[in-house]
Amino acid sequence: MEKKDFEAWLDNISITFLSLTDLQKNETLDHLISLSGAVQLRHLSNNLEILLKRDFLKLLPLELSFYLLKWLDPQTLLTCCLVSKQWNKVISACTEVWQTACKNLGWQIDDSVQDPQHWKKVYLKAILRMKQLKDHEAFETSSLIGHSARVYALYYKDGLLCTGSDDLSAKLWDVSTGQCIYGIQTHTCAAVKFDEQKLVTGSFDNTVACWEWSSGAKTQHFRGHTGAVFSVDYNDELDILVSGSADFTVKVWALSTGTCLNTLTGHTEWVTKVVLQKCKVKSLMHSPGDYILLSADKYEIKIWPIGREINCKCLKTLSVSEDRSISLQPRLHFDGKYIVCSSALGLYQWDFASYDVLRVIKPPDFSNVSLLGFGEIFALLFDNRYLYIMDLRTEKLISRWPLPEYRKSKRGSSFLAGETSWLNGLNGHNDMGLVFATSMPDHSIHLVLWKEHG
């Protein structure tokens, strides 16, 4: 057929084809396909692939592409980078895509950094760390050996771990090297807290003492409790030390002189935890910047406005059961905004401005799980067998790490969390150092540490 005649025929049949119903068009195509040879079928296959598969990232404006990419999950986002050079170029150029992906993994984001390549590298690092957590490969363990009797008291700060023992000594360890920096003779330690110059100890001998690291000398001795002192806290700015005791009281002392300023009563059980902390929220009872004292026993948490007046009255008493049928576990978290404590009913979070319960988190078999640390993104928990990380956004456990048969303590002084800034979101730098420490039956200290990035 001549080209001119063919073109006229093709125009004519096209007009007729367009006038058919969808069913008639399908029958026509089926008939034409049945008449086609191998060359025609190959031609049809190649062209159909082009017609049916449109590269929407190439066709869409860049801002629309970025908007669509934000909805992809992390694994799909990485897969999309492998589709083509064009896709990889578009995806790699979107800062918000990578920032959102990092946020979804629980990563802290600095919005002032707008370099997409920076955030892509952060994301890839985050993927590796989260995979290590999921596969139970993010941590490693070591031990500190040096005490000759039960280690009861532990306190961690800035890479240093203080241990107090029944061998009448306290030691300060560099966690990164495992070396003992200071070792001083003390009394039996039930609680310890330290800074660069001094160590404060609460003892089973019913007293509190302050020691100088460099010389080992006792600089103050606080006498007045009639029961073991299970918890101490202090503030140099206020020149105040507080102590919680088995005599059901909290005592407020002048740190510099050792004078007892006040005895706070109202507890009906051993006071196993005291926390002195600045308030960060405003309410009818306190303002940001006020110093607040929290004291906890087996059933209750009491709140005292310690910074305003020495002769203070209890602002509020918190509990999880009115009939005292449910006890609190001896770990208490207070960051100035929220109070968090665990019990057999779950993990309770109170709003400090209103004292209302914000939520109760109930992971599986929570009756045996205790609180170690609580942040904006993650919580650190443990039981008799494992250390757990919970994503607080989903309230699901995302990782666990096996623990040895550590020495149990009902009052909770023989174990503690290490670095805690990562609980507010990882950032690629704060996932280093100590995660958890606990004393062992053989008088050693078992450490769980972040493993270096692979």
Protein backbone atom coordinates (compact mmCIF):
# COMPACT_ATOMS: atom_id res chain seq x y z
CA MET A 1 0.00 0.00 0.00
CA GLU A 2 1.34 3.41 -0.94
CA LYS A 3 2.24 5.76 1.91
CA LYS A 4 -0.46 8.27 0.94
CA ASP A 5 -3.14 5.58 0.79
CA PHE A 6 -1.87 4.08 4.11
CA GLU A 7 -2.11 7.41 5.90
CA ALA A 8 -5.67 7.94 4.61
CA TRP A 9 -6.61 4.43 5.71
CA LEU A 10 -5.05 4.98 9.16
CA ASP A 11 -6.93 8.26 9.66
CA ASN A 12 -10.18 6.60 8.67
CA ILE A 13 -9.73 3.58 10.97
CA SER A 14 -8.64 5.84 13.87
CA ILE A 15 -11.87 7.82 13.61
CA THR A 16 -13.85 4.60 13.59
CA PHE A 17 -11.84 3.18 16.56
CA LEU A 18 -12.49 6.26 18.67
CA SER A 19 -16.23 5.91 18.12
CA LEU A 20 -16.30 2.37 19.57
CA THR A 21 -17.25 1.46 23.13
CA ASP A 22 -14.52 0.31 25.53
CA LEU A 23 -15.61 -3.30 25.09
CA GLN A 24 -15.46 -2.99 21.29
CA LYS A 25 -12.03 -1.35 21.50
CA ASN A 26 -10.77 -4.24 23.63
CA GLU A 27 -12.15 -6.81 21.16
CA THR A 28 -10.52 -4.93 18.26
CA LEU A 29 -7.14 -4.92 20.02
CA ASP A 30 -7.47 -8.62 20.86
CA HIS A 31 -8.14 -9.37 17.21
CA LEU A 32 -5.20 -7.27 15.98
CA ILE A 33 -2.88 -8.91 18.54
CA SER A 34 -3.95 -12.35 17.33
CA LEU A 35 -2.98 -11.35 13.77
CA SER A 36 0.44 -9.96 14.82
CA GLY A 37 3.76 -11.70 14.42
CA ALA A 38 6.81 -11.70 16.69
CA VAL A 39 8.11 -8.34 15.41
CA GLN A 40 4.80 -6.61 16.12
CA LEU A 41 4.41 -8.18 19.58
CA ARG A 42 7.94 -7.11 20.58
CA HIS A 43 7.22 -3.59 19.35
CA LEU A 44 3.98 -3.56 21.34
CA SER A 45 5.70 -4.79 24.54
CA ASN A 46 8.45 -2.15 24.40
CA ASN A 47 6.06 0.73 23.84
CA LEU A 48 3.55 -0.38 26.47
CA GLU A 49 6.29 -0.30 29.14
CA ILE A 50 7.07 3.32 28.27
CA LEU A 51 3.39 4.32 28.15
CA LEU A 52 2.43 2.65 31.42
CA LYS A 53 5.48 3.58 33.56
CA ARG A 54 5.74 7.34 34.03
CA ASP A 55 8.64 8.85 36.01
CA PHE A 56 6.57 11.14 38.20
CA LEU A 57 9.60 12.57 40.01
CA LYS A 58 10.93 13.71 36.65
CA LEU A 59 7.60 15.13 35.52
CA LEU A 60 6.52 16.85 38.76
CA PRO A 61 7.79 20.24 39.95
CA LEU A 62 10.58 19.82 42.54
CA GLU A 63 8.52 21.14 45.48
CA LEU A 64 5.75 18.59 44.74
CA SER A 65 8.33 15.81 44.56
CA PHE A 66 9.68 16.83 47.96
CA TYR A 67 6.15 16.87 49.41
CA LEU A 68 5.46 13.32 48.19
CA LEU A 69 8.80 11.98 49.38
CA LYS A 70 8.11 13.17 52.94
CA TRP A 71 5.41 10.50 53.25
CA LEU A 72 7.74 7.57 52.52
CA ASP A 73 9.00 5.30 55.27
CA PRO A 74 12.78 5.15 55.81
CA GLN A 75 13.38 1.80 54.10
CA THR A 76 11.40 2.84 51.00
CA LEU A 77 13.29 6.14 50.89
CA LEU A 78 16.60 4.31 50.66
CA THR A 79 15.23 1.97 48.00
CA CYS A 80 14.04 4.96 45.94
CA CYS A 81 17.62 6.27 45.82
CA LEU A 82 18.49 3.16 43.78
CA VAL A 83 15.78 3.63 41.11
CA SER A 84 17.80 5.97 38.91
CA LYS A 85 20.39 8.74 39.01
CA GLN A 86 17.58 11.28 38.64
CA TRP A 87 15.68 9.88 41.64
CA ASN A 88 18.84 9.76 43.75
CA LYS A 89 19.61 13.38 42.79
CA VAL A 90 16.11 14.61 43.70
CA ILE A 91 15.90 12.65 46.97
CA SER A 92 19.41 13.63 48.03
CA ALA A 93 18.59 17.33 47.48
CA CYS A 94 15.62 17.44 49.87
CA THR A 95 16.71 18.55 53.36
CA GLU A 96 13.26 18.16 54.88
CA VAL A 97 12.94 14.58 53.63
CA TRP A 98 16.09 13.52 55.47
CA GLN A 99 15.29 15.57 58.57
CA THR A 100 11.84 13.99 58.79
CA ALA A 101 13.34 10.52 58.32
CA CYS A 102 15.79 11.20 61.16
CA LYS A 103 13.01 12.48 63.43
CA ASN A 104 11.00 9.33 62.76
CA LEU A 105 13.96 7.32 64.06
CA GLY A 106 14.10 9.35 67.27
CA TRP A 107 16.97 11.61 66.21
CA GLN A 108 17.47 15.18 67.42
CA ILE A 109 17.30 17.74 64.58
CA ASP A 110 19.08 21.09 64.33
CA ASP A 111 16.85 23.01 61.90
CA SER A 112 19.57 25.61 61.33
CA VAL A 113 21.59 23.05 59.33
CA GLN A 114 20.07 23.00 55.83
CA ASP A 115 22.65 20.90 53.97
CA PRO A 116 20.77 17.85 52.61
CA GLN A 117 23.96 15.80 52.29
CA HIS A 118 24.65 16.34 56.00
CA TRP A 119 21.22 15.01 56.92
CA LYS A 120 21.50 12.10 54.51
CA LYS A 121 24.75 11.07 56.26
CA VAL A 122 23.10 11.52 59.67
CA TYR A 123 20.19 9.38 58.50
CA LEU A 124 22.47 6.57 57.29
CA LYS A 125 24.28 6.67 60.64
CA ALA A 126 20.91 6.62 62.42
CA ILE A 127 19.76 3.61 60.39
CA LEU A 128 22.85 1.69 61.47
CA ARG A 129 22.40 2.53 65.15
CA MET A 130 18.68 1.69 65.14
CA LYS A 131 19.41 -1.62 63.39
CA GLN A 132 22.00 -2.42 66.06
CA LEU A 133 19.40 -1.69 68.74
CA LYS A 134 16.80 -3.86 67.03
CA ASP A 135 19.31 -6.72 66.57
CA HIS A 136 20.53 -6.39 70.22
CA GLU A 137 24.04 -5.43 69.06
CA ALA A 138 24.28 -1.78 70.17
CA PHE A 139 25.95 -2.40 73.54
CA GLU A 140 28.97 -4.10 75.07
CA THR A 141 29.85 -4.97 78.65
CA SER A 142 32.78 -4.62 81.04
CA SER A 143 33.46 -4.90 84.79
CA LEU A 144 35.05 -2.81 87.53
CA ILE A 145 36.88 -4.84 90.17
CA GLY A 146 38.31 -3.43 93.39
CA HIS A 147 35.86 -3.67 96.30
CA SER A 148 36.10 -6.49 98.84
CA ALA A 149 32.51 -6.39 100.16
CA ARG A 150 28.97 -5.63 99.00
CA VAL A 151 28.69 -2.57 96.75
CA TYR A 152 25.42 -0.89 97.61
CA ALA A 153 25.64 2.73 96.43
CA LEU A 154 26.26 3.97 92.88
CA TYR A 155 26.25 7.46 91.34
CA TYR A 156 27.29 8.49 87.80
CA LYS A 157 28.27 11.88 86.38
CA ASP A 158 30.27 13.05 83.34
CA GLY A 159 32.01 9.76 82.59
CA LEU A 160 32.82 9.04 86.25
CA LEU A 161 31.18 6.38 88.42
CA CYS A 162 31.26 6.51 92.22
CA THR A 163 30.78 3.28 94.20
CA GLY A 164 30.18 2.95 97.94
CA SER A 165 30.75 -0.37 99.66
CA ASP A 166 30.41 -2.26 102.93
CA ASP A 167 34.22 -2.53 102.88
CA LEU A 168 34.15 1.03 104.34
CA SER A 169 35.40 2.66 101.17
CA ALA A 170 34.19 4.73 98.26
CA LYS A 171 35.88 4.67 94.87
CA LEU A 172 35.71 6.95 91.85
CA TRP A 173 36.16 5.25 88.47
CA ASP A 174 36.82 6.47 84.95
CA VAL A 175 34.26 4.41 83.04
CA SER A 176 36.05 4.71 79.67
CA THR A 177 39.31 3.23 80.98
CA GLY A 178 38.09 1.20 83.96
CA GLN A 179 40.73 2.86 86.14
CA CYS A 180 40.12 3.86 89.78
CA ILE A 181 40.91 7.59 90.15
CA TYR A 182 40.29 7.97 93.90
CA GLY A 183 39.74 5.54 96.72
CA ILE A 184 38.95 6.87 100.20
CA GLN A 185 38.05 5.30 103.54
CA THR A 186 34.43 6.03 104.56
CA HIS A 187 31.61 4.47 106.56
CA THR A 188 29.19 1.90 105.09
CA CYS A 189 27.59 3.68 102.14
CA ALA A 190 23.89 3.39 101.33
CA ALA A 191 23.90 6.45 99.02
CA VAL A 192 26.58 8.55 97.31
CA LYS A 193 26.72 11.78 95.29
CA PHE A 194 29.84 13.67 94.20
CA ASP A 195 31.31 16.58 92.28
CA GLU A 196 34.89 17.55 91.37
CA GLN A 197 35.92 18.41 94.95
CA LYS A 198 33.71 16.43 97.30
CA LEU A 199 31.80 13.25 97.98
CA VAL A 200 28.59 13.11 100.04
CA THR A 201 27.60 9.75 101.53
CA GLY A 202 24.50 8.49 103.29
CA SER A 203 25.17 5.55 105.58
CA PHE A 204 23.63 2.56 107.32
CA ASP A 205 25.11 4.10 110.50
CA ASN A 206 22.28 6.74 110.37
CA THR A 207 24.58 9.62 109.40
CA VAL A 208 25.55 11.65 106.36
CA ALA A 209 29.15 12.69 105.70
CA CYS A 210 31.01 14.97 103.31
CA TRP A 211 34.51 13.97 102.17
CA GLU A 212 37.29 15.66 100.22
CA TRP A 213 38.48 13.61 97.24
CA SER A 214 42.04 14.89 97.13
CA SER A 215 42.87 14.15 100.77
CA GLY A 216 40.17 11.67 101.78
CA ALA A 217 39.39 13.87 104.80
CA LYS A 218 35.91 14.08 106.29
CA THR A 219 34.87 17.76 106.10
CA GLN A 220 31.36 17.50 107.59
CA HIS A 221 29.41 14.90 109.58
CA PHE A 222 25.59 15.25 109.68
CA ARG A 223 24.07 13.51 112.71
CA GLY A 224 20.37 13.40 113.58
CA HIS A 225 18.64 10.56 111.77
CA THR A 226 17.62 7.52 113.80
CA GLY A 227 17.58 5.15 110.82
CA ALA A 228 19.76 4.32 107.82
CA VAL A 229 20.10 7.10 105.24
CA PHE A 230 19.10 5.70 101.85
CA SER A 231 19.27 8.81 99.65
CA VAL A 232 21.06 12.17 99.58
CA ASP A 233 21.03 15.22 97.32
CA TYR A 234 22.59 18.66 97.64
CA ASN A 235 22.90 22.06 95.99
CA ASP A 236 25.92 24.33 96.47
CA GLU A 237 23.99 27.43 95.35
CA LEU A 238 21.44 26.96 98.13
CA ASP A 239 24.04 25.59 100.58
CA ILE A 240 21.52 22.83 101.30
CA LEU A 241 21.80 19.07 101.67
CA VAL A 242 18.73 16.81 101.94
CA SER A 243 18.60 13.23 103.17
CA GLY A 244 15.93 10.52 103.22
CA SER A 245 15.98 7.90 105.95
CA ALA A 246 14.51 4.69 107.32
CA ASP A 247 13.26 6.81 110.24
CA PHE A 248 10.44 8.05 107.89
CA THR A 249 11.84 11.59 107.75
CA VAL A 250 13.60 13.93 105.35
CA LYS A 251 16.17 16.24 106.90
CA VAL A 252 17.34 19.55 105.47
CA TRP A 253 20.92 20.50 106.40
CA ALA A 254 23.24 23.45 105.88
CA LEU A 255 25.84 21.92 103.59
CA SER A 256 28.70 24.13 104.78
CA THR A 257 28.16 23.82 108.54
CA GLY A 258 26.40 20.49 109.02
CA THR A 259 23.56 22.14 110.96
CA CYS A 260 20.11 20.54 110.69
CA LEU A 261 17.75 23.27 109.44
CA ASN A 262 14.52 21.30 109.38
CA THR A 263 13.01 17.82 109.62
CA LEU A 264 10.20 17.11 107.18
CA THR A 265 7.66 14.60 108.46
CA GLY A 266 4.61 12.92 106.97
CA HIS A 267 6.05 9.76 105.46
CA THR A 268 4.89 6.50 107.02
CA GLU A 269 7.50 4.28 105.33
CA TRP A 270 11.24 4.41 104.73
CA VAL A 271 12.17 7.41 102.57
CA THR A 272 14.20 5.75 99.82
CA LYS A 273 14.64 8.66 97.40
CA VAL A 274 15.12 12.43 97.62
CA VAL A 275 15.56 14.68 94.57
CA LEU A 276 16.44 18.40 94.67
CA GLN A 277 15.68 20.04 91.33
CA LYS A 278 14.77 23.39 89.77
CA CYS A 279 11.17 23.74 88.60
CA LYS A 280 10.74 24.55 84.88
CA VAL A 281 6.97 25.24 84.75
CA LYS A 282 4.59 27.75 86.34
CA SER A 283 1.58 26.92 88.49
CA LEU A 284 -0.33 28.43 91.39
CA MET A 285 2.17 26.87 93.78
CA HIS A 286 5.54 27.45 92.12
CA SER A 287 7.33 29.39 89.39
CA PRO A 288 10.11 28.48 86.95
CA GLY A 289 13.43 28.60 88.78
CA ASP A 290 12.02 27.60 92.18
CA TYR A 291 13.87 24.74 93.85
CA ILE A 292 11.67 21.74 94.54
CA LEU A 293 12.32 18.74 96.76
CA LEU A 294 10.72 15.39 95.98
CA SER A 295 10.79 12.59 98.56
CA ALA A 296 9.48 9.10 97.95
CA ASP A 297 8.64 6.10 100.10
CA LYS A 298 7.04 2.76 99.29
CA TYR A 299 3.63 4.25 98.52
CA GLU A 300 3.88 8.04 98.13
CA ILE A 301 5.80 10.88 96.53
CA LYS A 302 5.78 14.15 98.48
CA ILE A 303 6.55 17.55 96.93
CA TRP A 304 8.16 20.35 99.00
CA PRO A 305 9.00 23.98 97.96
CA ILE A 306 12.45 23.75 99.52
CA GLY A 307 13.95 26.81 97.82
CA ARG A 308 11.47 29.37 99.17
CA GLU A 309 11.60 28.65 102.86
CA ILE A 310 13.25 26.16 105.14
CA ASN A 311 10.09 25.61 107.21
CA CYS A 312 8.11 24.52 104.18
CA LYS A 313 4.90 22.53 104.06
CA CYS A 314 4.18 19.67 101.68
CA LEU A 315 2.63 21.00 98.46
CA LYS A 316 1.22 17.71 97.23
CA THR A 317 1.29 13.97 97.85
CA LEU A 318 1.14 11.66 94.82
CA SER A 319 0.25 7.97 94.86
CA VAL A 320 -1.11 5.36 92.45
CA SER A 321 -3.65 3.75 94.82
CA GLU A 322 -5.68 5.36 97.62
CA ASP A 323 -5.80 2.17 99.70
CA ARG A 324 -1.98 1.73 99.49
CA SER A 325 -2.44 -1.65 97.84
CA ILE A 326 0.01 -0.79 95.06
CA SER A 327 3.58 0.13 95.95
CA LEU A 328 5.94 2.39 94.02
CA GLN A 329 9.23 1.04 92.79
CA PRO A 330 12.29 2.83 94.21
CA ARG A 331 13.22 4.82 91.12
CA LEU A 332 12.05 8.39 90.61
CA HIS A 333 12.51 10.71 87.62
CA PHE A 334 11.97 14.48 87.84
CA ASP A 335 13.22 16.90 85.17
CA GLY A 336 11.42 20.05 86.36
CA LYS A 337 8.42 19.42 84.08
CA TYR A 338 7.33 15.85 84.72
CA ILE A 339 7.45 13.35 87.54
CA VAL A 340 7.74 9.72 86.49
CA CYS A 341 7.67 6.63 88.68
CA SER A 342 6.87 2.97 88.07
CA SER A 343 4.62 0.55 89.90
CA ALA A 344 2.98 -2.80 89.33
CA LEU A 345 0.17 -0.94 87.50
CA GLY A 346 2.55 0.64 84.99
CA LEU A 347 4.75 3.66 84.42
CA TYR A 348 3.05 6.82 85.77
CA GLN A 349 3.81 10.27 84.32
CA TRP A 350 2.54 13.33 86.21
CA ASP A 351 2.45 16.90 84.88
CA PHE A 352 4.29 18.97 87.47
CA ALA A 353 2.31 22.16 86.72
CA SER A 354 -1.05 20.55 87.55
CA TYR A 355 -0.04 17.31 89.36
CA ASP A 356 -2.41 15.48 86.98
CA VAL A 357 -1.54 12.03 85.64
CA LEU A 358 -0.72 12.51 81.95
CA ARG A 359 -0.52 8.85 81.07
CA VAL A 360 0.07 5.36 82.39
CA ILE A 361 2.30 3.19 80.21
CA LYS A 362 1.79 -0.56 80.47
CA PRO A 363 4.33 -2.64 78.58
CA PRO A 364 3.96 -6.44 78.61
CA ASP A 365 4.52 -8.01 82.04
CA PHE A 366 5.14 -4.61 83.60
CA SER A 367 4.84 -5.95 87.14
CA ASN A 368 8.52 -6.91 87.05
CA VAL A 369 9.90 -3.95 85.04
CA SER A 370 11.57 -0.99 86.76
CA LEU A 371 12.34 2.51 85.55
CA LEU A 372 15.92 3.69 85.01
CA GLY A 373 15.57 6.77 82.80
CA PHE A 374 12.80 8.71 81.07
CA GLY A 375 13.15 11.25 78.24
CA GLU A 376 11.18 12.91 75.47
CA ILE A 377 11.68 10.03 73.01
CA PHE A 378 12.98 6.97 74.85
CA ALA A 379 12.73 5.32 78.28
CA LEU A 380 15.29 2.96 79.79
CA LEU A 381 13.80 0.06 81.78
CA PHE A 382 15.02 -3.22 83.22
CA ASP A 383 13.94 -6.39 84.98
CA ASN A 384 15.71 -9.46 86.35
CA ARG A 385 16.90 -10.58 82.91
CA TYR A 386 17.06 -7.68 80.46
CA LEU A 387 17.71 -4.00 79.93
CA TYR A 388 14.96 -2.50 77.71
CA ILE A 389 14.60 0.59 75.53
CA MET A 390 11.05 1.84 74.93
CA ASP A 391 9.99 4.29 72.23
CA LEU A 392 7.67 6.57 74.22
CA ARG A 393 5.90 7.75 71.06
CA THR A 394 4.54 4.26 70.41
CA GLU A 395 4.99 2.86 73.95
CA LYS A 396 6.62 -0.23 72.41
CA LEU A 397 9.87 -1.91 73.43
CA ILE A 398 12.36 -1.52 70.57
CA SER A 399 15.45 -3.17 72.05
CA ARG A 400 16.71 -5.32 74.89
CA TRP A 401 20.07 -6.38 76.28
CA PRO A 402 20.72 -9.44 78.49
CA LEU A 403 21.78 -8.83 82.09
CA PRO A 404 23.68 -11.21 84.38
CA GLU A 405 22.46 -12.26 87.81
CA TYR A 406 23.07 -8.91 89.47
CA ARG A 407 22.70 -8.24 93.21
CA LYS A 408 19.07 -7.33 93.88
CA SER A 409 18.11 -4.37 96.07
CA LYS A 410 14.59 -3.48 97.15
CA ARG A 411 15.63 0.13 97.77
CA GLY A 412 17.15 0.52 94.33
CA SER A 413 20.58 1.95 95.08
CA SER A 414 22.63 -0.85 93.55
CA PHE A 415 21.83 -0.02 89.91
CA LEU A 416 21.54 3.15 87.85
CA ALA A 417 21.43 4.64 84.38
CA GLY A 418 24.54 6.26 82.92
CA GLU A 419 24.39 8.89 80.19
CA THR A 420 20.78 10.02 79.71
CA SER A 421 20.80 12.82 77.09
CA TRP A 422 20.07 10.24 74.35
CA LEU A 423 16.68 9.58 75.95
CA ASN A 424 15.57 12.95 74.53
CA GLY A 425 16.63 11.81 71.06
CA LEU A 426 19.83 10.41 69.62
CA ASN A 427 22.10 12.75 67.66
CA GLY A 428 25.00 10.56 66.58
CA HIS A 429 27.24 11.84 69.38
CA ASN A 430 25.33 11.21 72.61
CA ASP A 431 25.17 7.45 72.01
CA MET A 432 28.52 6.91 73.74
CA GLY A 433 29.66 5.97 77.21
CA LEU A 434 27.80 4.27 80.05
CA VAL A 435 24.22 3.04 79.62
CA PHE A 436 23.72 1.03 82.82
CA ALA A 437 25.67 -0.07 85.90
CA THR A 438 24.83 -2.56 88.62
CA SER A 439 26.65 -4.22 91.51
CA MET A 440 27.26 -7.97 91.36
CA PRO A 441 27.24 -10.70 94.03
CA ASP A 442 31.05 -10.99 93.71
CA HIS A 443 31.42 -7.26 94.67
CA SER A 444 32.32 -6.19 91.12
CA ILE A 445 30.33 -3.63 89.09
CA HIS A 446 28.82 -4.73 85.80
CA LEU A 447 28.76 -2.01 83.10
CA VAL A 448 26.69 -1.82 79.91
CA LEU A 449 28.26 0.61 77.43
CA TRP A 450 27.37 1.91 73.97
CA LYS A 451 29.33 0.08 71.28
CA GLU A 452 31.19 2.28 68.81
CA HIS A 453 29.45 2.89 65.49
CA GLY A 454 30.25 0.34 62.80
